[in-house]
Amino acid sequence: MIETDWRTAEIRDGAAAAVLNALPLPVITVAADGKIANANVAAESFFEVSALLLRRQMLHDLVPFGSPLLALV
C-alpha cells in the first residue's frame, strides 16, 4: 500500500517512489491546493528543473490556462 498524505499528495513510501522514478513518462502529483507535491525523474527532465524546484510551483505555473492537460487533473 502506498502511504500518502492526501492533503499534500506527498508519497512517503520509498518503494512507491522507486516505481514512479522507474516510469519513462513524466508523472507529477498535485496537492488539493494546486501545489506540485512530487515529481518523478522523467518529469524533472520534461520540465528541465529538479523535483525540489517543481515542488515550489503551482500547477497553473507549469501548465497554461486552457491546456487540455488540465482536463486530466
PDB file of N, CA and C in Angstrom:
ATOM      1  N   MET A   1       0.838  -1.184   0.000  1.00  0.00           N
ATOM      2  CA  MET A   1       0.000   0.000   0.000  1.00  0.00           C
ATOM      3  C   MET A   1       0.880   1.243   0.000  1.00  0.00           C
ATOM      4  N   ILE A   2       0.517   2.206  -0.787  1.00  0.00           N
ATOM      5  CA  ILE A   2       1.259   3.461  -0.860  1.00  0.00           C
ATOM      6  C   ILE A   2       0.734   4.391   0.218  1.00  0.00           C
ATOM      7  N   GLU A   3       1.632   4.836   1.085  1.00  0.00           N
ATOM      8  CA  GLU A   3       1.237   5.774   2.127  1.00  0.00           C
ATOM      9  C   GLU A   3       1.289   7.178   1.559  1.00  0.00           C
ATOM     10  N   THR A   4       0.161   7.853   1.600  1.00  0.00           N
ATOM     11  CA  THR A   4       0.060   9.187   1.034  1.00  0.00           C
ATOM     12  C   THR A   4      -0.685  10.094   1.993  1.00  0.00           C
ATOM     13  N   ASP A   5      -0.201  11.298   2.167  1.00  0.00           N
ATOM     14  CA  ASP A   5      -0.936  12.318   2.901  1.00  0.00           C
ATOM     15  C   ASP A   5      -1.791  13.036   1.865  1.00  0.00           C
ATOM     16  N   TRP A   6      -3.089  12.807   1.866  1.00  0.00           N
ATOM     17  CA  TRP A   6      -3.973  13.326   0.811  1.00  0.00           C
ATOM     18  C   TRP A   6      -4.083  14.845   0.808  1.00  0.00           C
ATOM     19  N   ARG A   7      -3.761  15.490   1.923  1.00  0.00           N
ATOM     20  CA  ARG A   7      -3.802  16.956   1.928  1.00  0.00           C
ATOM     21  C   ARG A   7      -2.662  17.532   1.113  1.00  0.00           C
ATOM     22  N   THR A   8      -1.512  16.854   1.138  1.00  0.00           N
ATOM     23  CA  THR A   8      -0.347  17.372   0.435  1.00  0.00           C
ATOM     24  C   THR A   8       0.037  16.537  -0.774  1.00  0.00           C
ATOM     25  N   ALA A   9      -0.547  15.354  -0.934  1.00  0.00           N
ATOM     26  CA  ALA A   9      -0.253  14.413  -2.025  1.00  0.00           C
ATOM     27  C   ALA A   9       1.194  13.947  -1.987  1.00  0.00           C
ATOM     28  N   GLU A  10       1.790  13.982  -0.806  1.00  0.00           N
ATOM     29  CA  GLU A  10       3.179  13.564  -0.652  1.00  0.00           C
ATOM     30  C   GLU A  10       3.247  12.044  -0.512  1.00  0.00           C
ATOM     31  N   ILE A  11       4.069  11.421  -1.329  1.00  0.00           N
ATOM     32  CA  ILE A  11       4.261   9.977  -1.256  1.00  0.00           C
ATOM     33  C   ILE A  11       5.412   9.707  -0.306  1.00  0.00           C
ATOM     34  N   ARG A  12       5.135   8.906   0.731  1.00  0.00           N
ATOM     35  CA  ARG A  12       6.131   8.667   1.773  1.00  0.00           C
ATOM     36  C   ARG A  12       6.731   7.274   1.697  1.00  0.00           C
ATOM     37  N   ASP A  13       6.300   6.469   0.772  1.00  0.00           N
ATOM     38  CA  ASP A  13       6.769   5.098   0.646  1.00  0.00           C
ATOM     39  C   ASP A  13       7.947   5.062  -0.323  1.00  0.00           C
ATOM     40  N   GLY A  14       9.094   4.590   0.146  1.00  0.00           N
ATOM     41  CA  GLY A  14      10.286   4.539  -0.700  1.00  0.00           C
ATOM     42  C   GLY A  14      10.105   3.641  -1.910  1.00  0.00           C
ATOM     43  N   ALA A  15       9.384   2.522  -1.738  1.00  0.00           N
ATOM     44  CA  ALA A  15       9.146   1.611  -2.860  1.00  0.00           C
ATOM     45  C   ALA A  15       8.267   2.279  -3.912  1.00  0.00           C
ATOM     46  N   ALA A  16       7.254   3.009  -3.471  1.00  0.00           N
ATOM     47  CA  ALA A  16       6.374   3.703  -4.418  1.00  0.00           C
ATOM     48  C   ALA A  16       7.148   4.767  -5.186  1.00  0.00           C
ATOM     49  N   ALA A  17       8.016   5.481  -4.494  1.00  0.00           N
ATOM     50  CA  ALA A  17       8.830   6.497  -5.157  1.00  0.00           C
ATOM     51  C   ALA A  17       9.762   5.853  -6.175  1.00  0.00           C
ATOM     52  N   ALA A  18      10.297   4.692  -5.842  1.00  0.00           N
ATOM     53  CA  ALA A  18      11.188   3.981  -6.770  1.00  0.00           C
ATOM     54  C   ALA A  18      10.439   3.567  -8.030  1.00  0.00           C
ATOM     55  N   VAL A  19       9.210   3.099  -7.869  1.00  0.00           N
ATOM     56  CA  VAL A  19       8.395   2.704  -9.028  1.00  0.00           C
ATOM     57  C   VAL A  19       8.092   3.924  -9.891  1.00  0.00           C
ATOM     58  N   LEU A  20       7.697   5.028  -9.272  1.00  0.00           N
ATOM     59  CA  LEU A  20       7.408   6.249 -10.037  1.00  0.00           C
ATOM     60  C   LEU A  20       8.640   6.736 -10.790  1.00  0.00           C
ATOM     61  N   ASN A  21       9.798   6.649 -10.158  1.00  0.00           N
ATOM     62  CA  ASN A  21      11.024   7.103 -10.818  1.00  0.00           C
ATOM     63  C   ASN A  21      11.462   6.170 -11.933  1.00  0.00           C
ATOM     64  N   ALA A  22      10.995   4.929 -11.910  1.00  0.00           N
ATOM     65  CA  ALA A  22      11.332   3.978 -12.975  1.00  0.00           C
ATOM     66  C   ALA A  22      10.457   4.172 -14.217  1.00  0.00           C
ATOM     67  N   LEU A  23       9.351   4.878 -14.086  1.00  0.00           N
ATOM     68  CA  LEU A  23       8.461   5.095 -15.225  1.00  0.00           C
ATOM     69  C   LEU A  23       9.121   6.016 -16.249  1.00  0.00           C
ATOM     70  N   PRO A  24       8.973   5.694 -17.527  1.00  0.00           N
ATOM     71  CA  PRO A  24       9.612   6.521 -18.554  1.00  0.00           C
ATOM     72  C   PRO A  24       8.846   7.815 -18.861  1.00  0.00           C
ATOM     73  N   LEU A  25       7.616   7.925 -18.386  1.00  0.00           N
ATOM     74  CA  LEU A  25       6.801   9.111 -18.659  1.00  0.00           C
ATOM     75  C   LEU A  25       6.793  10.047 -17.460  1.00  0.00           C
ATOM     76  N   PRO A  26       6.687  11.354 -17.700  1.00  0.00           N
ATOM     77  CA  PRO A  26       6.644  12.301 -16.585  1.00  0.00           C
ATOM     78  C   PRO A  26       5.378  12.129 -15.757  1.00  0.00           C
ATOM     79  N   VAL A  27       5.551  12.088 -14.440  1.00  0.00           N
ATOM     80  CA  VAL A  27       4.430  11.974 -13.513  1.00  0.00           C
ATOM     81  C   VAL A  27       4.623  13.009 -12.412  1.00  0.00           C
ATOM     82  N   ILE A  28       3.596  13.814 -12.175  1.00  0.00           N
ATOM     83  CA  ILE A  28       3.612  14.729 -11.036  1.00  0.00           C
ATOM     84  C   ILE A  28       2.360  14.458 -10.223  1.00  0.00           C
ATOM     85  N   THR A  29       2.451  14.690  -8.929  1.00  0.00           N
ATOM     86  CA  THR A  29       1.262  14.640  -8.085  1.00  0.00           C
ATOM     87  C   THR A  29       1.003  16.065  -7.619  1.00  0.00           C
ATOM     88  N   VAL A  30      -0.280  16.384  -7.520  1.00  0.00           N
ATOM     89  CA  VAL A  30      -0.691  17.742  -7.192  1.00  0.00           C
ATOM     90  C   VAL A  30      -1.531  17.702  -5.930  1.00  0.00           C
ATOM     91  N   ALA A  31      -1.199  18.547  -4.969  1.00  0.00           N
ATOM     92  CA  ALA A  31      -1.961  18.648  -3.726  1.00  0.00           C
ATOM     93  C   ALA A  31      -3.300  19.334  -3.991  1.00  0.00           C
ATOM     94  N   ALA A  32      -4.170  19.260  -3.028  1.00  0.00           N
ATOM     95  CA  ALA A  32      -5.509  19.842  -3.163  1.00  0.00           C
ATOM     96  C   ALA A  32      -5.465  21.346  -3.432  1.00  0.00           C
ATOM     97  N   ASP A  33      -4.421  22.017  -2.960  1.00  0.00           N
ATOM     98  CA  ASP A  33      -4.317  23.460  -3.180  1.00  0.00           C
ATOM     99  C   ASP A  33      -3.674  23.827  -4.519  1.00  0.00           C
ATOM    100  N   GLY A  34      -3.353  22.816  -5.343  1.00  0.00           N
ATOM    101  CA  GLY A  34      -2.777  23.062  -6.658  1.00  0.00           C
ATOM    102  C   GLY A  34      -1.270  23.097  -6.687  1.00  0.00           C
ATOM    103  N   LYS A  35      -0.635  22.876  -5.543  1.00  0.00           N
ATOM    104  CA  LYS A  35       0.825  22.892  -5.470  1.00  0.00           C
ATOM    105  C   LYS A  35       1.378  21.533  -5.887  1.00  0.00           C
ATOM    106  N   ILE A  36       2.482  21.542  -6.635  1.00  0.00           N
ATOM    107  CA  ILE A  36       3.138  20.300  -7.034  1.00  0.00           C
ATOM    108  C   ILE A  36       3.692  19.649  -5.775  1.00  0.00           C
ATOM    109  N   ALA A  37       3.322  18.383  -5.547  1.00  0.00           N
ATOM    110  CA  ALA A  37       3.757  17.671  -4.349  1.00  0.00           C
ATOM    111  C   ALA A  37       4.942  16.759  -4.635  1.00  0.00           C
ATOM    112  N   ASN A  38       4.941  16.087  -5.763  1.00  0.00           N
ATOM    113  CA  ASN A  38       6.003  15.153  -6.139  1.00  0.00           C
ATOM    114  C   ASN A  38       6.184  15.185  -7.639  1.00  0.00           C
ATOM    115  N   ALA A  39       7.377  14.800  -8.066  1.00  0.00           N
ATOM    116  CA  ALA A  39       7.672  14.674  -9.494  1.00  0.00           C
ATOM    117  C   ALA A  39       8.693  13.565  -9.665  1.00  0.00           C
ATOM    118  N   ASN A  40       8.479  12.735 -10.668  1.00  0.00           N
ATOM    119  CA  ASN A  40       9.450  11.671 -10.913  1.00  0.00           C
ATOM    120  C   ASN A  40      10.604  12.203 -11.763  1.00  0.00           C
ATOM    121  N   VAL A  41      11.598  11.345 -12.001  1.00  0.00           N
ATOM    122  CA  VAL A  41      12.791  11.741 -12.744  1.00  0.00           C
ATOM    123  C   VAL A  41      12.436  12.187 -14.165  1.00  0.00           C
ATOM    124  N   ALA A  42      11.482  11.502 -14.792  1.00  0.00           N
ATOM    125  CA  ALA A  42      11.077  11.886 -16.149  1.00  0.00           C
ATOM    126  C   ALA A  42      10.430  13.269 -16.158  1.00  0.00           C
ATOM    127  N   ALA A  43       9.705  13.615 -15.104  1.00  0.00           N
ATOM    128  CA  ALA A  43       9.100  14.948 -15.013  1.00  0.00           C
ATOM    129  C   ALA A  43      10.186  16.013 -14.850  1.00  0.00           C
ATOM    130  N   GLU A  44      11.216  15.700 -14.073  1.00  0.00           N
ATOM    131  CA  GLU A  44      12.337  16.633 -13.941  1.00  0.00           C
ATOM    132  C   GLU A  44      12.958  16.911 -15.301  1.00  0.00           C
ATOM    133  N   SER A  45      13.125  15.869 -16.081  1.00  0.00           N
ATOM    134  CA  SER A  45      13.696  16.024 -17.420  1.00  0.00           C
ATOM    135  C   SER A  45      12.751  16.794 -18.336  1.00  0.00           C
ATOM    136  N   PHE A  46      11.463  16.474 -18.279  1.00  0.00           N
ATOM    137  CA  PHE A  46      10.464  17.120 -19.136  1.00  0.00           C
ATOM    138  C   PHE A  46      10.384  18.624 -18.865  1.00  0.00           C
ATOM    139  N   PHE A  47      10.338  19.004 -17.586  1.00  0.00           N
ATOM    140  CA  PHE A  47      10.212  20.415 -17.221  1.00  0.00           C
ATOM    141  C   PHE A  47      11.579  21.099 -17.103  1.00  0.00           C
ATOM    142  N   GLU A  48      12.659  20.307 -17.242  1.00  0.00           N
ATOM    143  CA  GLU A  48      14.025  20.811 -17.172  1.00  0.00           C
ATOM    144  C   GLU A  48      14.309  21.556 -15.873  1.00  0.00           C
ATOM    145  N   VAL A  49      13.848  20.967 -14.774  1.00  0.00           N
ATOM    146  CA  VAL A  49      14.064  21.540 -13.443  1.00  0.00           C
ATOM    147  C   VAL A  49      13.987  20.402 -12.428  1.00  0.00           C
ATOM    148  N   SER A  50      14.647  20.552 -11.298  1.00  0.00           N
ATOM    149  CA  SER A  50      14.664  19.494 -10.288  1.00  0.00           C
ATOM    150  C   SER A  50      13.308  19.351  -9.602  1.00  0.00           C
ATOM    151  N   ALA A  51      13.094  18.185  -9.006  1.00  0.00           N
ATOM    152  CA  ALA A  51      11.855  17.943  -8.265  1.00  0.00           C
ATOM    153  C   ALA A  51      11.721  18.926  -7.111  1.00  0.00           C
ATOM    154  N   LEU A  52      12.829  19.273  -6.496  1.00  0.00           N
ATOM    155  CA  LEU A  52      12.808  20.243  -5.400  1.00  0.00           C
ATOM    156  C   LEU A  52      12.235  21.577  -5.864  1.00  0.00           C
ATOM    157  N   LEU A  53      12.676  22.038  -7.027  1.00  0.00           N
ATOM    158  CA  LEU A  53      12.147  23.304  -7.561  1.00  0.00           C
ATOM    159  C   LEU A  53      10.711  23.148  -8.048  1.00  0.00           C
ATOM    160  N   LEU A  54      10.376  21.976  -8.600  1.00  0.00           N
ATOM    161  CA  LEU A  54       8.995  21.750  -9.027  1.00  0.00           C
ATOM    162  C   LEU A  54       8.039  21.826  -7.838  1.00  0.00           C
ATOM    163  N   ARG A  55       8.475  21.316  -6.682  1.00  0.00           N
ATOM    164  CA  ARG A  55       7.606  21.328  -5.503  1.00  0.00           C
ATOM    165  C   ARG A  55       7.338  22.727  -4.980  1.00  0.00           C
ATOM    166  N   ARG A  56       8.048  23.700  -5.469  1.00  0.00           N
ATOM    167  CA  ARG A  56       7.802  25.096  -5.089  1.00  0.00           C
ATOM    168  C   ARG A  56       6.771  25.757  -6.009  1.00  0.00           C
ATOM    169  N   GLN A  57       6.375  25.052  -7.060  1.00  0.00           N
ATOM    170  CA  GLN A  57       5.490  25.609  -8.085  1.00  0.00           C
ATOM    171  C   GLN A  57       4.034  25.209  -7.868  1.00  0.00           C
ATOM    172  N   MET A  58       3.160  25.982  -8.424  1.00  0.00           N
ATOM    173  CA  MET A  58       1.743  25.636  -8.501  1.00  0.00           C
ATOM    174  C   MET A  58       1.512  25.041  -9.889  1.00  0.00           C
ATOM    175  N   LEU A  59       0.507  24.192 -10.017  1.00  0.00           N
ATOM    176  CA  LEU A  59       0.222  23.561 -11.301  1.00  0.00           C
ATOM    177  C   LEU A  59      -0.005  24.604 -12.383  1.00  0.00           C
ATOM    178  N   HIS A  60      -0.734  25.658 -12.062  1.00  0.00           N
ATOM    179  CA  HIS A  60      -1.030  26.680 -13.080  1.00  0.00           C
ATOM    180  C   HIS A  60       0.217  27.442 -13.524  1.00  0.00           C
ATOM    181  N   ASP A  61       1.324  27.346 -12.759  1.00  0.00           N
ATOM    182  CA  ASP A  61       2.578  27.962 -13.195  1.00  0.00           C
ATOM    183  C   ASP A  61       3.244  27.146 -14.302  1.00  0.00           C
ATOM    184  N   LEU A  62       2.972  25.846 -14.337  1.00  0.00           N
ATOM    185  CA  LEU A  62       3.610  24.958 -15.305  1.00  0.00           C
ATOM    186  C   LEU A  62       2.762  24.685 -16.532  1.00  0.00           C
ATOM    187  N   VAL A  63       1.449  24.675 -16.345  1.00  0.00           N
ATOM    188  CA  VAL A  63       0.529  24.329 -17.430  1.00  0.00           C
ATOM    189  C   VAL A  63      -0.337  25.553 -17.717  1.00  0.00           C
ATOM    190  N   PRO A  64      -0.309  26.059 -18.934  1.00  0.00           N
ATOM    191  CA  PRO A  64      -1.073  27.270 -19.250  1.00  0.00           C
ATOM    192  C   PRO A  64      -2.580  27.056 -19.143  1.00  0.00           C
ATOM    193  N   PHE A  65      -3.279  28.132 -18.800  1.00  0.00           N
ATOM    194  CA  PHE A  65      -4.736  28.085 -18.714  1.00  0.00           C
ATOM    195  C   PHE A  65      -5.326  27.627 -20.042  1.00  0.00           C
ATOM    196  N   GLY A  66      -6.307  26.753 -19.974  1.00  0.00           N
ATOM    197  CA  GLY A  66      -6.968  26.258 -21.169  1.00  0.00           C
ATOM    198  C   GLY A  66      -6.281  25.066 -21.808  1.00  0.00           C
ATOM    199  N   SER A  67      -5.173  24.623 -21.231  1.00  0.00           N
ATOM    200  CA  SER A  67      -4.466  23.465 -21.772  1.00  0.00           C
ATOM    201  C   SER A  67      -5.304  22.193 -21.597  1.00  0.00           C
ATOM    202  N   PRO A  68      -5.325  21.314 -22.587  1.00  0.00           N
ATOM    203  CA  PRO A  68      -6.056  20.063 -22.446  1.00  0.00           C
ATOM    204  C   PRO A  68      -5.534  19.199 -21.297  1.00  0.00           C
ATOM    205  N   LEU A  69      -4.308  19.422 -20.885  1.00  0.00           N
ATOM    206  CA  LEU A  69      -3.762  18.665 -19.753  1.00  0.00           C
ATOM    207  C   LEU A  69      -4.545  18.931 -18.475  1.00  0.00           C
ATOM    208  N   LEU A  70      -5.066  20.124 -18.319  1.00  0.00           N
ATOM    209  CA  LEU A  70      -5.821  20.448 -17.103  1.00  0.00           C
ATOM    210  C   LEU A  70      -7.089  19.618 -16.990  1.00  0.00           C
ATOM    211  N   ALA A  71      -7.634  19.182 -18.102  1.00  0.00           N
ATOM    212  CA  ALA A  71      -8.827  18.339 -18.069  1.00  0.00           C
ATOM    213  C   ALA A  71      -8.532  16.978 -17.477  1.00  0.00           C
ATOM    214  N   LEU A  72      -7.271  16.552 -17.525  1.00  0.00           N
ATOM    215  CA  LEU A  72      -6.883  15.272 -16.972  1.00  0.00           C
ATOM    216  C   LEU A  72      -6.677  15.301 -15.478  1.00  0.00           C
ATOM    217  N   VAL A  73      -6.527  16.487 -14.920  1.00  0.00           N
ATOM    218  CA  VAL A  73      -6.250  16.619 -13.484  1.00  0.00           C
ATOM    219  C   VAL A  73      -7.532  16.506 -12.696  1.00  0.00           C
TER     220      VAL A  73
END
